[in-house]
Amino acid sequence: MKIKVESEKFVKAVKKLDGVEMMVENADDAKEALALILRKTDIFNAENYAKLKDVSVSSFQEYKTSAVDYKMVFLLEFLFEENTSLDTKVAVIKELQEFFNKV
């Protein structure tokens, strides 16, 4: 399962949690920001989080109106243990999306 998150959401979240305004320019920066966010929040309960093996991060530019008006967007792919129920997958992803929507 995958979701997309705009770079400014990572920046706002890290600023709110750690007081640091970091630059998120590529997938490595986004992965680092995600690690900072997850260590400082109780987004995932232990039961659901245990089934999450990894989060793969890739990036792309999303053009709104022209080639010069774009946002950096990161695609987060959630990799779960085999036989993880759809309900568990949705619960984990929903918690993270709700967090980003609040920042």
N, C-alpha and C. Protein backbone atom coordinates (compact mmCIF):
# COMPACT_ATOMS: atom_id res chain seq x y z
N MET A 1 0.85 -1.18 0.00
CA MET A 1 0.00 0.00 0.00
C MET A 1 0.89 1.23 0.00
N LYS A 2 0.43 2.27 -0.69
CA LYS A 2 1.22 3.48 -0.82
C LYS A 2 0.38 4.72 -0.53
N ILE A 3 1.06 5.76 -0.03
CA ILE A 3 0.44 7.07 0.13
C ILE A 3 1.44 8.11 -0.37
N LYS A 4 0.94 9.31 -0.65
CA LYS A 4 1.86 10.38 -1.02
C LYS A 4 1.79 11.47 0.04
N VAL A 5 2.96 12.07 0.29
CA VAL A 5 3.09 13.11 1.31
C VAL A 5 3.95 14.23 0.71
N GLU A 6 3.47 15.45 0.78
CA GLU A 6 4.22 16.59 0.25
C GLU A 6 5.36 16.93 1.19
N SER A 7 6.44 17.46 0.63
CA SER A 7 7.65 17.75 1.41
C SER A 7 7.38 18.69 2.57
N GLU A 8 6.50 19.68 2.37
CA GLU A 8 6.25 20.63 3.46
C GLU A 8 5.58 19.98 4.67
N LYS A 9 4.89 18.86 4.47
CA LYS A 9 4.30 18.14 5.60
C LYS A 9 5.39 17.55 6.49
N PHE A 10 6.45 17.02 5.86
CA PHE A 10 7.58 16.51 6.63
C PHE A 10 8.25 17.65 7.39
N VAL A 11 8.47 18.77 6.71
CA VAL A 11 9.14 19.92 7.32
C VAL A 11 8.35 20.41 8.53
N LYS A 12 7.03 20.57 8.38
CA LYS A 12 6.18 21.04 9.48
C LYS A 12 6.18 20.07 10.65
N ALA A 13 6.13 18.78 10.35
CA ALA A 13 6.08 17.77 11.41
C ALA A 13 7.37 17.76 12.22
N VAL A 14 8.51 17.78 11.55
CA VAL A 14 9.79 17.77 12.26
C VAL A 14 9.97 19.06 13.06
N LYS A 15 9.55 20.18 12.49
CA LYS A 15 9.63 21.46 13.20
C LYS A 15 8.78 21.40 14.48
N LYS A 16 7.59 20.86 14.36
CA LYS A 16 6.68 20.77 15.50
C LYS A 16 7.22 19.84 16.59
N LEU A 17 7.78 18.71 16.18
CA LEU A 17 8.22 17.70 17.15
C LEU A 17 9.61 17.96 17.73
N ASP A 18 10.54 18.45 16.89
CA ASP A 18 11.92 18.60 17.33
C ASP A 18 12.41 20.04 17.34
N GLY A 19 11.63 20.97 16.79
CA GLY A 19 12.05 22.35 16.75
C GLY A 19 13.12 22.63 15.70
N VAL A 20 13.30 21.72 14.76
CA VAL A 20 14.30 21.86 13.71
C VAL A 20 13.60 22.01 12.37
N GLU A 21 13.98 23.03 11.62
CA GLU A 21 13.41 23.22 10.30
C GLU A 21 14.37 22.61 9.28
N MET A 22 14.14 21.36 8.97
CA MET A 22 15.04 20.65 8.08
C MET A 22 14.58 20.78 6.62
N MET A 23 15.51 20.64 5.72
CA MET A 23 15.20 20.64 4.29
C MET A 23 14.92 19.20 3.87
N VAL A 24 13.85 19.03 3.12
CA VAL A 24 13.50 17.70 2.62
C VAL A 24 13.52 17.80 1.10
N GLU A 25 14.66 17.43 0.52
CA GLU A 25 14.87 17.61 -0.91
C GLU A 25 14.83 16.31 -1.71
N ASN A 26 15.03 15.18 -1.03
CA ASN A 26 15.07 13.92 -1.76
C ASN A 26 14.53 12.80 -0.88
N ALA A 27 14.50 11.60 -1.43
CA ALA A 27 13.93 10.45 -0.72
C ALA A 27 14.70 10.12 0.55
N ASP A 28 16.01 10.31 0.56
CA ASP A 28 16.79 10.04 1.77
C ASP A 28 16.42 11.01 2.89
N ASP A 29 16.25 12.29 2.54
CA ASP A 29 15.82 13.29 3.53
C ASP A 29 14.44 12.94 4.09
N ALA A 30 13.54 12.50 3.22
CA ALA A 30 12.18 12.15 3.65
C ALA A 30 12.21 10.92 4.57
N LYS A 31 13.04 9.95 4.25
CA LYS A 31 13.16 8.75 5.09
C LYS A 31 13.70 9.13 6.47
N GLU A 32 14.68 10.03 6.51
CA GLU A 32 15.23 10.50 7.78
C GLU A 32 14.17 11.27 8.58
N ALA A 33 13.42 12.13 7.90
CA ALA A 33 12.35 12.88 8.57
C ALA A 33 11.29 11.92 9.11
N LEU A 34 10.94 10.92 8.36
CA LEU A 34 9.95 9.94 8.80
C LEU A 34 10.44 9.21 10.05
N ALA A 35 11.71 8.86 10.09
CA ALA A 35 12.28 8.20 11.27
C ALA A 35 12.20 9.12 12.49
N LEU A 36 12.48 10.41 12.30
CA LEU A 36 12.37 11.37 13.40
C LEU A 36 10.93 11.47 13.90
N ILE A 37 10.00 11.49 12.98
CA ILE A 37 8.58 11.61 13.32
C ILE A 37 8.11 10.37 14.08
N LEU A 38 8.47 9.20 13.60
CA LEU A 38 8.00 7.97 14.22
C LEU A 38 8.59 7.76 15.61
N ARG A 39 9.81 8.22 15.84
CA ARG A 39 10.42 8.04 17.16
C ARG A 39 9.84 8.98 18.20
N LYS A 40 9.24 10.09 17.76
CA LYS A 40 8.72 11.10 18.68
C LYS A 40 7.22 11.03 18.90
N THR A 41 6.55 10.17 18.18
CA THR A 41 5.09 10.11 18.30
C THR A 41 4.64 8.71 18.67
N ASP A 42 3.42 8.62 19.10
CA ASP A 42 2.79 7.32 19.38
C ASP A 42 1.82 6.98 18.26
N ILE A 43 2.24 7.24 17.04
CA ILE A 43 1.34 7.02 15.90
C ILE A 43 0.92 5.56 15.79
N PHE A 44 1.87 4.67 15.93
CA PHE A 44 1.55 3.27 15.77
C PHE A 44 1.50 2.58 17.12
N ASN A 45 0.43 1.79 17.33
CA ASN A 45 0.44 0.99 18.56
C ASN A 45 1.34 -0.22 18.31
N ALA A 46 1.83 -0.82 19.34
CA ALA A 46 2.85 -1.87 19.22
C ALA A 46 2.39 -3.05 18.37
N GLU A 47 1.14 -3.43 18.51
CA GLU A 47 0.63 -4.60 17.77
C GLU A 47 0.66 -4.39 16.27
N ASN A 48 0.14 -3.26 15.80
CA ASN A 48 0.11 -3.00 14.36
C ASN A 48 1.50 -2.69 13.81
N TYR A 49 2.27 -1.92 14.55
CA TYR A 49 3.59 -1.50 14.09
C TYR A 49 4.51 -2.70 13.92
N ALA A 50 4.35 -3.72 14.75
CA ALA A 50 5.19 -4.91 14.69
C ALA A 50 5.06 -5.63 13.35
N LYS A 51 3.94 -5.48 12.68
CA LYS A 51 3.72 -6.15 11.40
C LYS A 51 4.29 -5.36 10.21
N LEU A 52 4.72 -4.13 10.45
CA LEU A 52 5.30 -3.30 9.41
C LEU A 52 6.79 -3.60 9.32
N LYS A 53 7.24 -4.12 8.15
CA LYS A 53 8.64 -4.46 7.98
C LYS A 53 9.48 -3.25 7.63
N ASP A 54 8.97 -2.40 6.73
CA ASP A 54 9.75 -1.25 6.28
C ASP A 54 8.83 -0.28 5.54
N VAL A 55 9.34 0.94 5.37
CA VAL A 55 8.65 1.93 4.56
C VAL A 55 9.64 2.37 3.49
N SER A 56 9.29 2.14 2.26
CA SER A 56 10.12 2.55 1.13
C SER A 56 9.70 3.96 0.71
N VAL A 57 10.68 4.83 0.45
CA VAL A 57 10.39 6.22 0.10
C VAL A 57 10.97 6.53 -1.26
N SER A 58 10.14 7.08 -2.14
CA SER A 58 10.60 7.58 -3.43
C SER A 58 10.01 8.96 -3.63
N SER A 59 10.55 9.70 -4.59
CA SER A 59 10.09 11.08 -4.77
C SER A 59 9.73 11.35 -6.23
N PHE A 60 8.89 12.36 -6.40
CA PHE A 60 8.57 12.85 -7.73
C PHE A 60 8.09 14.29 -7.60
N GLN A 61 8.09 15.00 -8.70
CA GLN A 61 7.61 16.38 -8.70
C GLN A 61 6.20 16.39 -9.26
N GLU A 62 5.32 17.09 -8.56
CA GLU A 62 3.93 17.20 -8.98
C GLU A 62 3.71 18.62 -9.49
N TYR A 63 3.40 18.73 -10.76
CA TYR A 63 3.22 20.03 -11.39
C TYR A 63 1.76 20.44 -11.31
N LYS A 64 1.51 21.61 -10.76
CA LYS A 64 0.14 22.10 -10.61
C LYS A 64 -0.34 22.84 -11.86
N THR A 65 0.35 23.91 -12.23
CA THR A 65 -0.13 24.73 -13.34
C THR A 65 0.91 24.93 -14.44
N SER A 66 2.19 24.76 -14.11
CA SER A 66 3.23 24.94 -15.12
C SER A 66 4.48 24.19 -14.69
N ALA A 67 5.48 24.19 -15.55
CA ALA A 67 6.73 23.49 -15.26
C ALA A 67 7.51 24.13 -14.12
N VAL A 68 7.21 25.38 -13.81
CA VAL A 68 7.94 26.05 -12.74
C VAL A 68 7.14 26.08 -11.43
N ASP A 69 5.89 25.69 -11.47
CA ASP A 69 5.04 25.65 -10.28
C ASP A 69 4.82 24.19 -9.90
N TYR A 70 5.72 23.68 -9.05
CA TYR A 70 5.62 22.27 -8.68
C TYR A 70 5.88 22.10 -7.19
N LYS A 71 5.49 20.93 -6.69
CA LYS A 71 5.75 20.53 -5.31
C LYS A 71 6.51 19.22 -5.34
N MET A 72 7.42 19.07 -4.39
CA MET A 72 8.11 17.80 -4.24
C MET A 72 7.20 16.90 -3.41
N VAL A 73 6.91 15.75 -3.94
CA VAL A 73 6.01 14.80 -3.29
C VAL A 73 6.76 13.49 -3.09
N PHE A 74 6.51 12.87 -1.96
CA PHE A 74 7.16 11.61 -1.64
C PHE A 74 6.13 10.50 -1.57
N LEU A 75 6.45 9.40 -2.16
CA LEU A 75 5.59 8.22 -2.17
C LEU A 75 6.12 7.28 -1.10
N LEU A 76 5.28 7.00 -0.12
CA LEU A 76 5.65 6.08 0.96
C LEU A 76 4.98 4.74 0.70
N GLU A 77 5.78 3.72 0.51
CA GLU A 77 5.24 2.38 0.30
C GLU A 77 5.46 1.57 1.57
N PHE A 78 4.39 1.08 2.13
CA PHE A 78 4.43 0.35 3.38
C PHE A 78 4.56 -1.14 3.08
N LEU A 79 5.61 -1.74 3.62
CA LEU A 79 5.88 -3.15 3.39
C LEU A 79 5.59 -3.90 4.69
N PHE A 80 4.59 -4.76 4.63
CA PHE A 80 4.13 -5.49 5.81
C PHE A 80 4.56 -6.95 5.74
N GLU A 81 4.53 -7.60 6.89
CA GLU A 81 4.77 -9.03 6.93
C GLU A 81 3.71 -9.74 6.10
N GLU A 82 4.08 -10.88 5.58
CA GLU A 82 3.13 -11.68 4.82
C GLU A 82 1.96 -12.06 5.71
N ASN A 83 0.80 -12.15 5.16
CA ASN A 83 -0.44 -12.52 5.87
C ASN A 83 -0.93 -11.46 6.84
N THR A 84 -0.47 -10.21 6.70
CA THR A 84 -1.00 -9.12 7.51
C THR A 84 -2.37 -8.76 6.96
N SER A 85 -3.34 -8.63 7.83
CA SER A 85 -4.71 -8.37 7.38
C SER A 85 -4.82 -6.97 6.76
N LEU A 86 -5.77 -6.82 5.88
CA LEU A 86 -6.01 -5.51 5.27
C LEU A 86 -6.42 -4.48 6.31
N ASP A 87 -7.16 -4.90 7.31
CA ASP A 87 -7.57 -3.99 8.37
C ASP A 87 -6.37 -3.42 9.12
N THR A 88 -5.39 -4.25 9.39
CA THR A 88 -4.18 -3.79 10.07
C THR A 88 -3.40 -2.83 9.19
N LYS A 89 -3.26 -3.16 7.92
CA LYS A 89 -2.56 -2.27 6.98
C LYS A 89 -3.23 -0.91 6.92
N VAL A 90 -4.53 -0.91 6.79
CA VAL A 90 -5.29 0.34 6.70
C VAL A 90 -5.15 1.14 8.00
N ALA A 91 -5.19 0.47 9.13
CA ALA A 91 -5.09 1.16 10.42
C ALA A 91 -3.74 1.88 10.57
N VAL A 92 -2.66 1.20 10.20
CA VAL A 92 -1.32 1.80 10.29
C VAL A 92 -1.22 3.02 9.38
N ILE A 93 -1.63 2.85 8.13
CA ILE A 93 -1.52 3.94 7.16
C ILE A 93 -2.43 5.10 7.52
N LYS A 94 -3.62 4.79 7.99
CA LYS A 94 -4.57 5.84 8.37
C LYS A 94 -4.03 6.69 9.52
N GLU A 95 -3.40 6.05 10.49
CA GLU A 95 -2.83 6.80 11.61
C GLU A 95 -1.77 7.79 11.14
N LEU A 96 -0.92 7.36 10.23
CA LEU A 96 0.12 8.24 9.72
C LEU A 96 -0.47 9.38 8.89
N GLN A 97 -1.45 9.07 8.04
CA GLN A 97 -2.09 10.11 7.24
C GLN A 97 -2.79 11.14 8.13
N GLU A 98 -3.46 10.69 9.17
CA GLU A 98 -4.13 11.61 10.09
C GLU A 98 -3.13 12.52 10.78
N PHE A 99 -1.97 11.99 11.12
CA PHE A 99 -0.92 12.81 11.73
C PHE A 99 -0.49 13.92 10.76
N PHE A 100 -0.20 13.54 9.52
CA PHE A 100 0.24 14.53 8.54
C PHE A 100 -0.86 15.56 8.24
N ASN A 101 -2.10 15.15 8.28
CA ASN A 101 -3.21 16.10 8.05
C ASN A 101 -3.34 17.13 9.18
N LYS A 102 -2.88 16.76 10.38
CA LYS A 102 -2.98 17.67 11.52
C LYS A 102 -1.86 18.71 11.57
N VAL A 103 -0.74 18.43 10.91
CA VAL A 103 0.38 19.39 10.94
C VAL A 103 0.25 20.44 9.87
